[in-house]
Protein backbone atom coordinates (compact mmCIF):
# COMPACT_ATOMS: atom_id res chain seq x y z
CA UNK A 1 0.00 0.00 0.00
CA UNK A 2 0.93 3.64 -0.13
CA UNK A 3 0.28 6.36 2.43
CA UNK A 4 0.71 9.92 1.27
CA UNK A 5 1.08 13.14 3.25
CA UNK A 6 1.06 16.47 1.47
CA UNK A 7 2.57 19.66 2.93
CA UNK A 8 3.89 23.05 1.98
CA UNK A 9 0.71 24.89 1.12
CA UNK A 10 -0.22 28.31 2.40
CA UNK A 11 -1.34 31.80 1.55
CA UNK A 12 0.72 33.56 -1.09
CA UNK A 13 0.30 36.71 -3.14
CA UNK A 14 -0.17 36.56 -6.90
CA UNK A 15 3.20 36.12 -8.56
CA UNK A 16 4.61 34.34 -5.56
CA UNK A 17 6.02 30.84 -5.21
CA UNK A 18 5.44 27.76 -3.10
CA UNK A 19 7.03 24.33 -2.95
CA UNK A 20 4.77 21.44 -2.10
CA UNK A 21 6.04 18.14 -0.73
CA UNK A 22 4.51 14.70 -0.76
CA UNK A 23 5.94 12.24 1.73
CA UNK A 24 5.19 8.64 0.89
CA UNK A 25 5.39 5.50 2.97
CA UNK A 26 5.26 2.18 1.23
CA UNK A 27 7.67 0.40 -1.04
CA UNK A 28 5.64 0.87 -4.20
CA UNK A 29 6.49 4.60 -4.29
CA UNK A 30 9.71 3.79 -6.10
CA UNK A 31 8.02 1.76 -8.81
CA UNK A 32 5.02 3.89 -9.74
CA UNK A 33 4.59 7.16 -11.53
CA UNK A 34 3.36 9.96 -9.31
CA UNK A 35 1.31 13.04 -9.88
CA UNK A 36 -0.04 16.19 -8.31
CA UNK A 37 -3.74 16.82 -8.49
CA UNK A 38 -5.85 19.73 -7.28
CA UNK A 39 -9.45 20.45 -6.47
CA UNK A 40 -10.83 23.96 -6.37
CA UNK A 41 -14.14 24.76 -4.64
CA UNK A 42 -17.05 23.62 -6.75
CA UNK A 43 -14.81 21.92 -9.31
CA UNK A 44 -13.70 18.38 -10.03
CA UNK A 45 -10.27 17.19 -9.05
CA UNK A 46 -7.84 17.58 -11.93
CA UNK A 47 -4.33 16.45 -12.79
CA UNK A 48 -1.82 19.28 -12.45
CA UNK A 49 1.43 17.47 -13.17
CA UNK A 50 2.53 13.88 -13.64
CA UNK A 51 5.91 12.21 -13.53
CA UNK A 52 6.17 8.72 -14.95
CA UNK A 53 8.41 6.03 -13.61
CA UNK A 54 10.61 6.61 -16.66
CA UNK A 55 10.97 10.30 -15.92
CA UNK A 56 8.57 11.73 -18.46
CA UNK A 57 6.56 14.73 -17.28
CA UNK A 58 3.11 15.95 -18.15
CA UNK A 59 1.55 19.26 -17.15
CA UNK A 60 -1.88 20.78 -17.39
CA UNK A 61 -1.88 23.58 -19.95
CA UNK A 62 -2.78 26.08 -17.25
CA UNK A 63 0.45 25.46 -15.33
CA UNK A 64 2.99 24.77 -18.09
CA UNK A 65 6.08 26.89 -17.68
CA UNK A 66 5.18 27.79 -14.09
CA UNK A 67 5.12 24.48 -12.20
CA UNK A 68 7.81 21.81 -12.00
CA UNK A 69 7.32 18.30 -10.67
CA UNK A 70 10.19 16.27 -9.27
CA UNK A 71 10.86 13.36 -6.94
CA UNK A 72 13.59 12.01 -4.69
CA UNK A 73 13.21 8.25 -4.44
CA UNK A 74 15.88 8.04 -1.77
CA UNK A 75 13.68 10.20 0.45
CA UNK A 76 10.37 8.74 -0.75
CA UNK A 77 9.30 12.29 -1.47
CA UNK A 78 7.81 14.13 -4.42
CA UNK A 79 7.76 17.89 -4.94
CA UNK A 80 5.88 20.52 -6.87
CA UNK A 81 7.63 23.84 -7.36
CA UNK A 82 5.01 26.44 -8.16
CA UNK A 83 6.09 29.83 -9.49
CA UNK A 84 4.18 32.84 -10.79
CA UNK A 85 1.13 31.74 -8.88
CA UNK A 86 -2.27 33.04 -9.93
CA UNK A 87 -5.55 33.30 -8.02
CA UNK A 88 -6.92 30.51 -10.20
CA UNK A 89 -4.29 28.18 -8.75
CA UNK A 90 -6.15 28.32 -5.44
CA UNK A 91 -7.14 24.76 -4.54
CA UNK A 92 -6.41 21.82 -2.31
CA UNK A 93 -3.44 19.96 -3.77
CA UNK A 94 -3.05 16.20 -3.50
CA UNK A 95 -0.47 13.68 -4.57
CA UNK A 96 -1.32 10.22 -5.86
CA UNK A 97 -0.02 7.72 -8.36
CA UNK A 98 0.02 8.73 -12.01
CA UNK A 99 -1.76 7.17 -13.73
CA UNK A 100 -4.20 6.79 -10.90
CA UNK A 101 -4.44 3.55 -8.97
CA UNK A 102 -8.03 3.41 -7.70
CA UNK A 103 -7.14 1.43 -4.58
CA UNK A 104 -4.74 4.15 -3.37
CA UNK A 105 -6.69 6.52 -1.17
CA UNK A 106 -6.33 10.29 -1.22
CA UNK A 107 -4.45 12.04 1.56
CA UNK A 108 -5.61 15.15 3.39
CA UNK A 109 -4.14 17.42 0.77
CA UNK A 110 -2.56 20.82 1.33
CA UNK A 111 -4.40 24.10 0.82
CA UNK A 112 -2.92 26.65 -1.55
CA UNK A 113 -4.50 30.08 -1.53
CA UNK A 114 -3.33 32.77 -3.94
CA UNK A 115 -4.71 36.14 -2.97
CA UNK A 116 -3.62 39.70 -2.41
């Protein structure tokens, strides 16, 4: 199994930056692709960025050029560097396997609020 704990969110002004972390417990972390997802109020959860086991990345059009996904398998941790943040980036951010594995539950997520 895989337990996931997201952290690093907060309140930031437009144009600011945040770095999210996803700490994973469970041996399968090293053998699955991982992704960052987000859910804004009243909207469905969406994929923000994915990183395959082979190292290929995929980003939502809305975050391309601003967000960077990375992982450190030695630390069982994944990151999302978010720059040039916009109010529309406000959401709860979650990490989970990419592609999704339905049996892996969602963590608590971390709230990102972009506001002046």
